[in-house]
Every structure is written in C-alpha cells, then in structure tokens.
Amino acid sequence: MKRILELGGLISGVVLIVFGVAVIALGVQGRGTVTDKLKAEQIVGSPDMSPAAIKDEAAKAGLTGITLPTCDVANVAVTNGARAKCFADYMRIHALEATGGQTYAQMPRFASTDGKGTNDATKAVKNASGGPADNPVRNVWITETALATALDVSFMASQLALFSIVVGVALLLVGVGFIILDNVALHRKA
C-alpha cells in the first residue's frame, strides 16, 4: 500500500507537469492568434488617439462628464489586446462626437425634417415604403458597438491567454513540488 501511495505522488507530479506544459502551450497559442488576427486587420490609431488630442477634440465637441482614454495609440499599429482595448475606448469618444454626445439609446428613433430626430412616428420623415425613416445617425452606434466589441473581445482573449500561461506555470511548479516531496518520501530512512 505504501508503494502505491509513493507512486501516486510521482504520477500526480508528472500529470501536473504535463497539464502545465499543455496549458502554457495553449496560452501562448491563444496570444499568438490574437496578435496574428489583429495584425491582419492592419488597424492603426488615428493621430487624435492620444490623451491630449482627444481631450481637445472632446472639448470642441462639447462633450462633458465622460471618461476619456488615458492610453495612447496615435499612429500606432494595433497588434495586441491592450492596444485593441485602447483603440475601442477612442472609438467610443469618436462616436459620441459624431452623435452630439448621445448614445444609441438616447437618440430619437426616427429621422425628422429638422435633423434632430423624433420618437413620434407621425412626425418622422417617410421612407420609400411610406413608413417612418430610421434615424441614420444611430447607425454610428451600431457600427461602433460591433467594432468595439470585437476589439474588446481581443483584449479579453489576450488576458485569458495570459491567465492560462500563469495557471500553466503554477501547475508545473506544483507538479515539480509533488515529485520532490515524493522523492523525499521514497528516500527517507525509516
């Protein structure tokens, strides 16, 4: 029975080391995939994607009470998750600038002749089929949300890959620890 327990420690250590190596490999592969996919999109931050430049733009647009990005991707290629998140944060400010500081939910649903929009279908501009025309400015938010979500998912994926690498290292260390403890137990004199 003692021999089975001693071998159990060794086997557990080896299994943990193998799992650790596999988890590290998956994490490295995941980070590589995120980087490769972002590079393939050839995203480069616009010149205003720096804290100072966006602060000036937001002030000119009359945006108040919003959190401005503190990262900088001006004229920088977006090639990793952190830069993707930063780029997405600037996209939000650009969308707010384009919509007069309103989010999708705050904007009127329909287009109106005065350009301000309306939620009253009877006061809306009519579309080709005679129904109320959708507010075209809302499309800014539809596009921004879709693109920013993809960029934020890239950030999340890179963070999960990093977590996977850390967990893999922890599994390796625990596996090595089990083997060392098992070895000490095997060679301990009674």
N, C-alpha and C. Protein backbone atom coordinates (compact mmCIF):
# COMPACT_ATOMS: atom_id res chain seq x y z
N MET A 1 0.82 -1.20 0.00
CA MET A 1 0.00 0.00 0.00
C MET A 1 0.87 1.26 0.00
N LYS A 2 1.98 1.20 0.78
CA LYS A 2 2.87 2.36 0.85
C LYS A 2 3.47 2.65 -0.53
N ARG A 3 3.81 1.61 -1.24
CA ARG A 3 4.40 1.77 -2.58
C ARG A 3 3.40 2.43 -3.53
N ILE A 4 2.14 2.06 -3.43
CA ILE A 4 1.10 2.66 -4.29
C ILE A 4 0.97 4.15 -4.00
N LEU A 5 1.00 4.52 -2.72
CA LEU A 5 0.90 5.93 -2.36
C LEU A 5 2.13 6.71 -2.84
N GLU A 6 3.30 6.08 -2.73
CA GLU A 6 4.52 6.75 -3.19
C GLU A 6 4.48 6.96 -4.71
N LEU A 7 4.04 5.95 -5.43
CA LEU A 7 3.93 6.08 -6.89
C LEU A 7 2.83 7.07 -7.26
N GLY A 8 1.80 7.13 -6.45
CA GLY A 8 0.71 8.09 -6.69
C GLY A 8 1.22 9.52 -6.69
N GLY A 9 2.13 9.84 -5.77
CA GLY A 9 2.71 11.18 -5.72
C GLY A 9 3.53 11.49 -6.97
N LEU A 10 4.30 10.50 -7.40
CA LEU A 10 5.12 10.67 -8.61
C LEU A 10 4.23 10.83 -9.84
N ILE A 11 3.23 9.97 -9.96
CA ILE A 11 2.32 10.05 -11.11
C ILE A 11 1.56 11.38 -11.11
N SER A 12 1.10 11.80 -9.94
CA SER A 12 0.40 13.10 -9.84
C SER A 12 1.31 14.24 -10.29
N GLY A 13 2.56 14.19 -9.87
CA GLY A 13 3.52 15.23 -10.26
C GLY A 13 3.73 15.27 -11.76
N VAL A 14 3.89 14.10 -12.36
CA VAL A 14 4.11 14.02 -13.81
C VAL A 14 2.87 14.52 -14.55
N VAL A 15 1.69 14.11 -14.10
CA VAL A 15 0.45 14.56 -14.75
C VAL A 15 0.31 16.08 -14.66
N LEU A 16 0.60 16.65 -13.49
CA LEU A 16 0.52 18.10 -13.33
C LEU A 16 1.53 18.82 -14.23
N ILE A 17 2.71 18.26 -14.37
CA ILE A 17 3.71 18.87 -15.26
C ILE A 17 3.22 18.83 -16.70
N VAL A 18 2.69 17.69 -17.12
CA VAL A 18 2.18 17.56 -18.49
C VAL A 18 1.03 18.55 -18.72
N PHE A 19 0.09 18.62 -17.79
CA PHE A 19 -1.01 19.58 -17.91
C PHE A 19 -0.48 21.01 -17.92
N GLY A 20 0.50 21.28 -17.08
CA GLY A 20 1.09 22.62 -17.05
C GLY A 20 1.68 23.02 -18.38
N VAL A 21 2.44 22.11 -18.98
CA VAL A 21 3.04 22.38 -20.29
C VAL A 21 1.94 22.59 -21.34
N ALA A 22 0.90 21.75 -21.30
CA ALA A 22 -0.20 21.89 -22.26
C ALA A 22 -0.92 23.22 -22.10
N VAL A 23 -1.18 23.62 -20.87
CA VAL A 23 -1.89 24.88 -20.62
C VAL A 23 -1.03 26.07 -21.04
N ILE A 24 0.26 26.01 -20.78
CA ILE A 24 1.16 27.08 -21.23
C ILE A 24 1.15 27.15 -22.76
N ALA A 25 1.24 26.01 -23.42
CA ALA A 25 1.23 25.98 -24.88
C ALA A 25 -0.07 26.58 -25.43
N LEU A 26 -1.20 26.23 -24.83
CA LEU A 26 -2.48 26.79 -25.28
C LEU A 26 -2.53 28.30 -25.06
N GLY A 27 -2.00 28.76 -23.95
CA GLY A 27 -1.97 30.19 -23.67
C GLY A 27 -1.10 30.95 -24.67
N VAL A 28 0.06 30.40 -24.95
CA VAL A 28 0.96 31.04 -25.93
C VAL A 28 0.31 31.04 -27.31
N GLN A 29 -0.33 29.93 -27.67
CA GLN A 29 -1.02 29.86 -28.96
C GLN A 29 -2.16 30.88 -29.01
N GLY A 30 -2.91 31.01 -27.92
CA GLY A 30 -4.01 31.97 -27.88
C GLY A 30 -3.54 33.40 -28.06
N ARG A 31 -2.48 33.76 -27.35
CA ARG A 31 -1.92 35.12 -27.50
C ARG A 31 -1.42 35.34 -28.92
N GLY A 32 -0.81 34.31 -29.48
CA GLY A 32 -0.33 34.42 -30.86
C GLY A 32 -1.46 34.60 -31.85
N THR A 33 -2.56 33.89 -31.63
CA THR A 33 -3.72 34.02 -32.51
C THR A 33 -4.29 35.43 -32.45
N VAL A 34 -4.43 35.97 -31.24
CA VAL A 34 -4.94 37.34 -31.09
C VAL A 34 -4.03 38.31 -31.84
N THR A 35 -2.74 38.19 -31.64
CA THR A 35 -1.78 39.08 -32.30
C THR A 35 -1.86 38.95 -33.82
N ASP A 36 -1.89 37.71 -34.32
CA ASP A 36 -1.95 37.49 -35.76
C ASP A 36 -3.23 38.07 -36.37
N LYS A 37 -4.36 37.85 -35.71
CA LYS A 37 -5.63 38.36 -36.23
C LYS A 37 -5.67 39.88 -36.23
N LEU A 38 -5.15 40.49 -35.17
CA LEU A 38 -5.13 41.96 -35.12
C LEU A 38 -4.19 42.53 -36.18
N LYS A 39 -3.03 41.91 -36.35
CA LYS A 39 -2.09 42.37 -37.38
C LYS A 39 -2.72 42.28 -38.77
N ALA A 40 -3.48 41.21 -39.01
CA ALA A 40 -4.10 41.02 -40.32
C ALA A 40 -5.10 42.13 -40.65
N GLU A 41 -5.71 42.72 -39.65
CA GLU A 41 -6.68 43.79 -39.88
C GLU A 41 -6.01 45.13 -40.18
N GLN A 42 -4.72 45.24 -39.93
CA GLN A 42 -3.94 46.45 -40.22
C GLN A 42 -4.57 47.72 -39.62
N ILE A 43 -4.95 47.63 -38.36
CA ILE A 43 -5.56 48.76 -37.66
C ILE A 43 -4.45 49.67 -37.15
N VAL A 44 -4.57 50.95 -37.45
CA VAL A 44 -3.61 51.94 -36.96
C VAL A 44 -4.40 53.08 -36.32
N GLY A 45 -3.98 53.48 -35.15
CA GLY A 45 -4.66 54.57 -34.45
C GLY A 45 -4.55 55.87 -35.22
N SER A 46 -5.63 56.64 -35.23
CA SER A 46 -5.61 57.94 -35.90
C SER A 46 -4.79 58.93 -35.06
N PRO A 47 -4.33 60.01 -35.66
CA PRO A 47 -3.47 60.96 -34.93
C PRO A 47 -4.09 61.53 -33.66
N ASP A 48 -5.41 61.53 -33.56
CA ASP A 48 -6.06 62.09 -32.36
C ASP A 48 -6.22 61.07 -31.24
N MET A 49 -5.67 59.89 -31.39
CA MET A 49 -5.84 58.86 -30.37
C MET A 49 -4.73 58.91 -29.31
N SER A 50 -4.55 60.11 -28.78
CA SER A 50 -3.66 60.33 -27.64
C SER A 50 -4.45 61.11 -26.61
N PRO A 51 -4.10 61.00 -25.33
CA PRO A 51 -4.88 61.69 -24.29
C PRO A 51 -5.03 63.19 -24.53
N ALA A 52 -3.96 63.86 -24.92
CA ALA A 52 -4.03 65.32 -25.11
C ALA A 52 -4.91 65.68 -26.30
N ALA A 53 -4.74 64.96 -27.41
CA ALA A 53 -5.51 65.28 -28.62
C ALA A 53 -7.00 65.00 -28.42
N ILE A 54 -7.34 63.89 -27.79
CA ILE A 54 -8.76 63.57 -27.63
C ILE A 54 -9.42 64.51 -26.62
N LYS A 55 -8.65 64.98 -25.67
CA LYS A 55 -9.19 65.95 -24.70
C LYS A 55 -9.61 67.22 -25.42
N ASP A 56 -8.75 67.69 -26.34
CA ASP A 56 -9.08 68.89 -27.12
C ASP A 56 -10.30 68.65 -28.01
N GLU A 57 -10.35 67.50 -28.68
CA GLU A 57 -11.48 67.19 -29.55
C GLU A 57 -12.78 67.10 -28.77
N ALA A 58 -12.74 66.44 -27.62
CA ALA A 58 -13.94 66.30 -26.80
C ALA A 58 -14.44 67.66 -26.34
N ALA A 59 -13.52 68.54 -25.99
CA ALA A 59 -13.90 69.89 -25.56
C ALA A 59 -14.54 70.65 -26.72
N LYS A 60 -13.95 70.55 -27.91
CA LYS A 60 -14.51 71.23 -29.09
C LYS A 60 -15.91 70.71 -29.42
N ALA A 61 -16.13 69.41 -29.18
CA ALA A 61 -17.44 68.81 -29.46
C ALA A 61 -18.44 69.07 -28.35
N GLY A 62 -17.99 69.68 -27.26
CA GLY A 62 -18.88 69.98 -26.15
C GLY A 62 -19.21 68.78 -25.28
N LEU A 63 -18.36 67.77 -25.33
CA LEU A 63 -18.60 66.57 -24.53
C LEU A 63 -18.15 66.82 -23.09
N THR A 64 -19.03 66.60 -22.16
CA THR A 64 -18.70 66.76 -20.74
C THR A 64 -19.18 65.54 -19.97
N GLY A 65 -18.57 65.30 -18.84
CA GLY A 65 -18.99 64.20 -17.98
C GLY A 65 -18.68 62.82 -18.51
N ILE A 66 -17.71 62.72 -19.40
CA ILE A 66 -17.33 61.41 -19.94
C ILE A 66 -15.90 61.10 -19.52
N THR A 67 -15.60 59.83 -19.47
CA THR A 67 -14.25 59.39 -19.14
C THR A 67 -13.45 59.27 -20.43
N LEU A 68 -12.36 60.01 -20.51
CA LEU A 68 -11.51 59.97 -21.69
C LEU A 68 -10.41 58.93 -21.53
N PRO A 69 -10.00 58.29 -22.61
CA PRO A 69 -8.92 57.31 -22.53
C PRO A 69 -7.61 57.95 -22.06
N THR A 70 -6.84 57.17 -21.34
CA THR A 70 -5.53 57.64 -20.87
C THR A 70 -4.38 56.93 -21.59
N CYS A 71 -4.71 55.98 -22.43
CA CYS A 71 -3.71 55.25 -23.21
C CYS A 71 -3.43 56.02 -24.50
N ASP A 72 -2.45 55.56 -25.27
CA ASP A 72 -2.06 56.27 -26.48
C ASP A 72 -1.82 55.26 -27.60
N VAL A 73 -2.60 55.36 -28.67
CA VAL A 73 -2.37 54.54 -29.86
C VAL A 73 -2.30 55.41 -31.12
N ALA A 74 -2.00 56.69 -30.95
CA ALA A 74 -1.90 57.59 -32.09
C ALA A 74 -0.80 57.12 -33.04
N ASN A 75 -1.20 56.85 -34.28
CA ASN A 75 -0.26 56.41 -35.33
C ASN A 75 0.48 55.13 -34.96
N VAL A 76 -0.13 54.29 -34.14
CA VAL A 76 0.47 53.04 -33.69
C VAL A 76 -0.38 51.88 -34.20
N ALA A 77 0.27 50.84 -34.70
CA ALA A 77 -0.45 49.64 -35.15
C ALA A 77 -1.05 48.91 -33.95
N VAL A 78 -2.28 48.48 -34.11
CA VAL A 78 -2.97 47.72 -33.06
C VAL A 78 -2.63 46.25 -33.27
N THR A 79 -1.72 45.74 -32.45
CA THR A 79 -1.22 44.38 -32.64
C THR A 79 -1.34 43.50 -31.40
N ASN A 80 -1.98 44.01 -30.36
CA ASN A 80 -2.18 43.18 -29.16
C ASN A 80 -3.47 43.60 -28.47
N GLY A 81 -3.86 42.83 -27.49
CA GLY A 81 -5.13 43.06 -26.81
C GLY A 81 -5.21 44.40 -26.11
N ALA A 82 -4.13 44.83 -25.48
CA ALA A 82 -4.15 46.11 -24.77
C ALA A 82 -4.36 47.27 -25.73
N ARG A 83 -3.69 47.23 -26.87
CA ARG A 83 -3.89 48.29 -27.87
C ARG A 83 -5.29 48.23 -28.47
N ALA A 84 -5.82 47.02 -28.62
CA ALA A 84 -7.18 46.88 -29.15
C ALA A 84 -8.19 47.53 -28.21
N LYS A 85 -8.04 47.31 -26.92
CA LYS A 85 -8.95 47.93 -25.95
C LYS A 85 -8.80 49.44 -25.98
N CYS A 86 -7.59 49.91 -26.05
CA CYS A 86 -7.33 51.35 -26.12
C CYS A 86 -8.00 51.95 -27.35
N PHE A 87 -7.84 51.31 -28.49
CA PHE A 87 -8.45 51.78 -29.74
C PHE A 87 -9.97 51.83 -29.59
N ALA A 88 -10.55 50.80 -28.99
CA ALA A 88 -12.01 50.76 -28.78
C ALA A 88 -12.46 51.91 -27.88
N ASP A 89 -11.67 52.24 -26.87
CA ASP A 89 -12.02 53.37 -25.99
C ASP A 89 -12.07 54.68 -26.77
N TYR A 90 -11.15 54.87 -27.69
CA TYR A 90 -11.16 56.08 -28.52
C TYR A 90 -12.33 56.06 -29.50
N MET A 91 -12.69 54.88 -30.01
CA MET A 91 -13.84 54.79 -30.91
C MET A 91 -15.11 55.29 -30.22
N ARG A 92 -15.25 55.00 -28.95
CA ARG A 92 -16.43 55.47 -28.21
C ARG A 92 -16.47 56.99 -28.20
N ILE A 93 -15.34 57.63 -27.96
CA ILE A 93 -15.30 59.09 -27.95
C ILE A 93 -15.65 59.64 -29.33
N HIS A 94 -15.11 59.01 -30.37
CA HIS A 94 -15.43 59.44 -31.74
C HIS A 94 -16.93 59.32 -32.02
N ALA A 95 -17.54 58.24 -31.56
CA ALA A 95 -18.98 58.06 -31.76
C ALA A 95 -19.77 59.12 -31.01
N LEU A 96 -19.35 59.43 -29.80
CA LEU A 96 -20.02 60.49 -29.04
C LEU A 96 -19.88 61.84 -29.75
N GLU A 97 -18.72 62.10 -30.32
CA GLU A 97 -18.52 63.34 -31.07
C GLU A 97 -19.46 63.39 -32.28
N ALA A 98 -19.59 62.27 -32.97
CA ALA A 98 -20.41 62.21 -34.18
C ALA A 98 -21.91 62.32 -33.89
N THR A 99 -22.31 61.99 -32.68
CA THR A 99 -23.74 61.97 -32.35
C THR A 99 -24.12 63.06 -31.35
N GLY A 100 -23.27 64.05 -31.21
CA GLY A 100 -23.59 65.14 -30.31
C GLY A 100 -23.62 64.74 -28.85
N GLY A 101 -22.83 63.74 -28.49
CA GLY A 101 -22.75 63.31 -27.10
C GLY A 101 -23.83 62.34 -26.68
N GLN A 102 -24.63 61.88 -27.63
CA GLN A 102 -25.71 60.94 -27.29
C GLN A 102 -25.32 59.51 -27.62
N THR A 103 -25.75 58.60 -26.76
CA THR A 103 -25.58 57.17 -27.05
C THR A 103 -26.77 56.69 -27.88
N TYR A 104 -26.69 55.48 -28.35
CA TYR A 104 -27.76 54.91 -29.19
C TYR A 104 -29.12 55.04 -28.51
N ALA A 105 -29.19 54.67 -27.25
CA ALA A 105 -30.47 54.66 -26.52
C ALA A 105 -31.00 56.07 -26.27
N GLN A 106 -30.14 57.06 -26.27
CA GLN A 106 -30.57 58.43 -26.01
C GLN A 106 -31.07 59.14 -27.27
N MET A 107 -30.76 58.60 -28.42
CA MET A 107 -31.11 59.26 -29.68
C MET A 107 -32.53 58.92 -30.10
N PRO A 108 -33.22 59.86 -30.73
CA PRO A 108 -34.56 59.58 -31.24
C PRO A 108 -34.51 58.46 -32.28
N ARG A 109 -35.56 57.70 -32.33
CA ARG A 109 -35.60 56.53 -33.20
C ARG A 109 -35.72 56.88 -34.67
N PHE A 110 -36.48 57.90 -34.98
CA PHE A 110 -36.78 58.22 -36.38
C PHE A 110 -36.11 59.51 -36.83
N ALA A 111 -35.91 59.63 -38.15
CA ALA A 111 -35.37 60.85 -38.74
C ALA A 111 -36.49 61.88 -38.84
N SER A 112 -36.12 63.15 -38.72
CA SER A 112 -37.10 64.23 -38.85
C SER A 112 -36.57 65.28 -39.82
N THR A 113 -37.46 66.13 -40.30
CA THR A 113 -37.05 67.15 -41.27
C THR A 113 -36.09 68.17 -40.68
N ASP A 114 -36.16 68.40 -39.38
CA ASP A 114 -35.26 69.38 -38.75
C ASP A 114 -33.88 68.79 -38.42
N GLY A 115 -33.68 67.50 -38.68
CA GLY A 115 -32.40 66.85 -38.44
C GLY A 115 -32.15 66.45 -37.00
N LYS A 116 -33.07 66.76 -36.10
CA LYS A 116 -32.90 66.43 -34.68
C LYS A 116 -33.42 65.04 -34.35
N GLY A 117 -34.27 64.51 -35.19
CA GLY A 117 -34.87 63.21 -34.94
C GLY A 117 -36.10 63.31 -34.06
N THR A 118 -36.88 62.23 -34.05
CA THR A 118 -38.10 62.20 -33.26
C THR A 118 -38.43 60.76 -32.88
N ASN A 119 -39.15 60.61 -31.79
CA ASN A 119 -39.66 59.29 -31.41
C ASN A 119 -41.12 59.13 -31.83
N ASP A 120 -41.69 60.17 -32.39
CA ASP A 120 -43.08 60.16 -32.85
C ASP A 120 -43.11 59.78 -34.32
N ALA A 121 -43.61 58.60 -34.61
CA ALA A 121 -43.63 58.09 -35.99
C ALA A 121 -44.42 58.99 -36.92
N THR A 122 -45.43 59.69 -36.41
CA THR A 122 -46.25 60.56 -37.27
C THR A 122 -45.49 61.82 -37.68
N LYS A 123 -44.46 62.20 -36.93
CA LYS A 123 -43.68 63.40 -37.25
C LYS A 123 -42.38 63.07 -37.98
N ALA A 124 -42.17 61.80 -38.25
CA ALA A 124 -40.93 61.35 -38.87
C ALA A 124 -40.96 61.54 -40.38
N VAL A 125 -39.77 61.67 -40.95
CA VAL A 125 -39.61 61.65 -42.40
C VAL A 125 -40.03 60.25 -42.86
N LYS A 126 -40.65 60.18 -44.01
CA LYS A 126 -41.12 58.88 -44.53
C LYS A 126 -40.04 58.23 -45.39
N ASN A 127 -39.95 56.92 -45.28
CA ASN A 127 -39.02 56.17 -46.12
C ASN A 127 -39.69 55.80 -47.44
N ALA A 128 -39.02 55.04 -48.29
CA ALA A 128 -39.54 54.70 -49.62
C ALA A 128 -40.85 53.94 -49.57
N SER A 129 -41.08 53.19 -48.51
CA SER A 129 -42.33 52.41 -48.42
C SER A 129 -43.43 53.17 -47.68
N GLY A 130 -43.16 54.43 -47.31
CA GLY A 130 -44.18 55.24 -46.66
C GLY A 130 -44.17 55.18 -45.14
N GLY A 131 -43.33 54.36 -44.58
CA GLY A 131 -43.23 54.25 -43.12
C GLY A 131 -42.24 55.27 -42.58
N PRO A 132 -42.13 55.36 -41.26
CA PRO A 132 -41.18 56.31 -40.68
C PRO A 132 -39.73 55.87 -40.97
N ALA A 133 -38.90 56.83 -41.35
CA ALA A 133 -37.49 56.54 -41.67
C ALA A 133 -36.67 56.46 -40.38
N ASP A 134 -35.82 55.45 -40.32
CA ASP A 134 -34.94 55.31 -39.16
C ASP A 134 -33.97 56.48 -39.09
N ASN A 135 -33.57 56.82 -37.88
CA ASN A 135 -32.59 57.88 -37.66
C ASN A 135 -31.23 57.35 -38.13
N PRO A 136 -30.66 57.89 -39.20
CA PRO A 136 -29.40 57.34 -39.74
C PRO A 136 -28.20 57.53 -38.80
N VAL A 137 -28.26 58.51 -37.92
CA VAL A 137 -27.14 58.75 -37.02
C VAL A 137 -26.99 57.61 -36.01
N ARG A 138 -28.07 56.90 -35.76
CA ARG A 138 -27.99 55.75 -34.85
C ARG A 138 -27.06 54.67 -35.40
N ASN A 139 -26.90 54.64 -36.73
CA ASN A 139 -26.00 53.65 -37.34
C ASN A 139 -24.56 53.83 -36.89
N VAL A 140 -24.19 55.05 -36.51
CA VAL A 140 -22.84 55.28 -35.97
C VAL A 140 -22.63 54.38 -34.77
N TRP A 141 -23.64 54.31 -33.91
CA TRP A 141 -23.52 53.49 -32.70
C TRP A 141 -23.58 52.01 -33.00
N ILE A 142 -24.35 51.62 -33.99
CA ILE A 142 -24.41 50.20 -34.35
C ILE A 142 -23.02 49.74 -34.82
N THR A 143 -22.41 50.54 -35.68
CA THR A 143 -21.08 50.21 -36.17
C THR A 143 -20.05 50.26 -35.05
N GLU A 144 -20.08 51.32 -34.25
CA GLU A 144 -19.12 51.46 -33.16
C GLU A 144 -19.22 50.30 -32.19
N THR A 145 -20.44 49.92 -31.84
CA THR A 145 -20.63 48.83 -30.89
C THR A 145 -20.09 47.51 -31.44
N ALA A 146 -20.37 47.24 -32.71
CA ALA A 146 -19.88 45.99 -33.31
C ALA A 146 -18.35 45.95 -33.33
N LEU A 147 -17.74 47.02 -33.80
CA LEU A 147 -16.28 47.04 -33.90
C LEU A 147 -15.61 47.08 -32.53
N ALA A 148 -16.13 47.89 -31.63
CA ALA A 148 -15.53 47.99 -30.29
C ALA A 148 -15.67 46.67 -29.53
N THR A 149 -16.79 45.98 -29.73
CA THR A 149 -16.96 44.68 -29.07
C THR A 149 -15.92 43.69 -29.57
N ALA A 150 -15.67 43.67 -30.87
CA ALA A 150 -14.64 42.77 -31.41
C ALA A 150 -13.27 43.10 -30.83
N LEU A 151 -12.97 44.38 -30.71
CA LEU A 151 -11.68 44.79 -30.14
C LEU A 151 -11.60 44.44 -28.66
N ASP A 152 -12.69 44.65 -27.94
CA ASP A 152 -12.71 44.30 -26.51
C ASP A 152 -12.58 42.79 -26.30
N VAL A 153 -13.16 42.01 -27.21
CA VAL A 153 -13.02 40.55 -27.12
C VAL A 153 -11.55 40.16 -27.36
N SER A 154 -10.87 40.87 -28.23
CA SER A 154 -9.44 40.62 -28.44
C SER A 154 -8.66 40.87 -27.15
N PHE A 155 -9.01 41.94 -26.46
CA PHE A 155 -8.37 42.24 -25.18
C PHE A 155 -8.65 41.12 -24.18
N MET A 156 -9.93 40.71 -24.10
CA MET A 156 -10.30 39.66 -23.16
C MET A 156 -9.56 38.36 -23.50
N ALA A 157 -9.48 38.02 -24.79
CA ALA A 157 -8.80 36.79 -25.20
C ALA A 157 -7.32 36.83 -24.84
N SER A 158 -6.69 37.98 -25.02
CA SER A 158 -5.27 38.06 -24.66
C SER A 158 -5.07 37.95 -23.16
N GLN A 159 -6.00 38.50 -22.38
CA GLN A 159 -5.91 38.39 -20.92
C GLN A 159 -6.16 36.95 -20.47
N LEU A 160 -7.11 36.27 -21.10
CA LEU A 160 -7.37 34.87 -20.77
C LEU A 160 -6.16 34.00 -21.13
N ALA A 161 -5.52 34.32 -22.25
CA ALA A 161 -4.32 33.58 -22.63
C ALA A 161 -3.21 33.79 -21.61
N LEU A 162 -3.06 35.01 -21.14
CA LEU A 162 -2.06 35.30 -20.11
C LEU A 162 -2.38 34.53 -18.82
N PHE A 163 -3.66 34.52 -18.44
CA PHE A 163 -4.08 33.77 -17.26
C PHE A 163 -3.77 32.28 -17.44
N SER A 164 -4.00 31.77 -18.64
CA SER A 164 -3.70 30.37 -18.93
C SER A 164 -2.21 30.08 -18.74
N ILE A 165 -1.37 30.98 -19.19
CA ILE A 165 0.07 30.80 -19.03
C ILE A 165 0.44 30.79 -17.55
N VAL A 166 -0.13 31.70 -16.78
CA VAL A 166 0.15 31.75 -15.34
C VAL A 166 -0.31 30.47 -14.65
N VAL A 167 -1.50 29.99 -15.00
CA VAL A 167 -2.01 28.75 -14.41
C VAL A 167 -1.11 27.58 -14.82
N GLY A 168 -0.66 27.57 -16.06
CA GLY A 168 0.25 26.52 -16.52
C GLY A 168 1.55 26.49 -15.72
N VAL A 169 2.10 27.66 -15.46
CA VAL A 169 3.32 27.74 -14.65
C VAL A 169 3.04 27.22 -13.24
N ALA A 170 1.89 27.59 -12.68
CA ALA A 170 1.52 27.12 -11.34
C ALA A 170 1.41 25.59 -11.33
N LEU A 171 0.78 25.02 -12.36
CA LEU A 171 0.66 23.56 -12.44
C LEU A 171 2.05 22.91 -12.53
N LEU A 172 2.92 23.51 -13.32
CA LEU A 172 4.30 22.99 -13.41
C LEU A 172 4.98 22.99 -12.05
N LEU A 173 4.88 24.10 -11.35
CA LEU A 173 5.53 24.20 -10.04
C LEU A 173 4.96 23.19 -9.05
N VAL A 174 3.65 23.04 -9.05
CA VAL A 174 3.02 22.07 -8.14
C VAL A 174 3.45 20.65 -8.52
N GLY A 175 3.50 20.37 -9.82
CA GLY A 175 3.94 19.05 -10.26
C GLY A 175 5.36 18.75 -9.85
N VAL A 176 6.24 19.72 -10.03
CA VAL A 176 7.64 19.54 -9.60
C VAL A 176 7.69 19.36 -8.08
N GLY A 177 6.88 20.13 -7.37
CA GLY A 177 6.83 20.01 -5.91
C GLY A 177 6.38 18.62 -5.48
N PHE A 178 5.36 18.08 -6.15
CA PHE A 178 4.90 16.72 -5.82
C PHE A 178 6.02 15.71 -6.03
N ILE A 179 6.73 15.84 -7.14
CA ILE A 179 7.80 14.89 -7.43
C ILE A 179 8.91 15.01 -6.38
N ILE A 180 9.26 16.22 -6.01
CA ILE A 180 10.30 16.41 -4.98
C ILE A 180 9.85 15.81 -3.66
N LEU A 181 8.62 16.10 -3.26
CA LEU A 181 8.11 15.55 -1.99
C LEU A 181 8.04 14.03 -2.05
N ASP A 182 7.63 13.51 -3.19
CA ASP A 182 7.55 12.07 -3.35
C ASP A 182 8.95 11.45 -3.28
N ASN A 183 9.90 12.10 -3.90
CA ASN A 183 11.28 11.62 -3.89
C ASN A 183 11.84 11.63 -2.47
N VAL A 184 11.54 12.68 -1.72
CA VAL A 184 11.99 12.75 -0.32
C VAL A 184 11.36 11.61 0.47
N ALA A 185 10.08 11.35 0.22
CA ALA A 185 9.39 10.29 0.95
C ALA A 185 9.95 8.91 0.58
N LEU A 186 10.31 8.72 -0.68
CA LEU A 186 10.85 7.44 -1.12
C LEU A 186 12.23 7.16 -0.54
N HIS A 187 13.02 8.19 -0.38
CA HIS A 187 14.39 8.00 0.08
C HIS A 187 14.58 8.29 1.56
N ARG A 188 13.51 8.53 2.25
CA ARG A 188 13.60 8.79 3.69
C ARG A 188 13.91 7.48 4.40
N LYS A 189 14.83 7.53 5.31
CA LYS A 189 15.18 6.32 6.06
C LYS A 189 14.20 6.17 7.21
N ALA A 190 13.75 4.98 7.38
CA ALA A 190 12.76 4.72 8.43
C ALA A 190 13.40 4.63 9.78
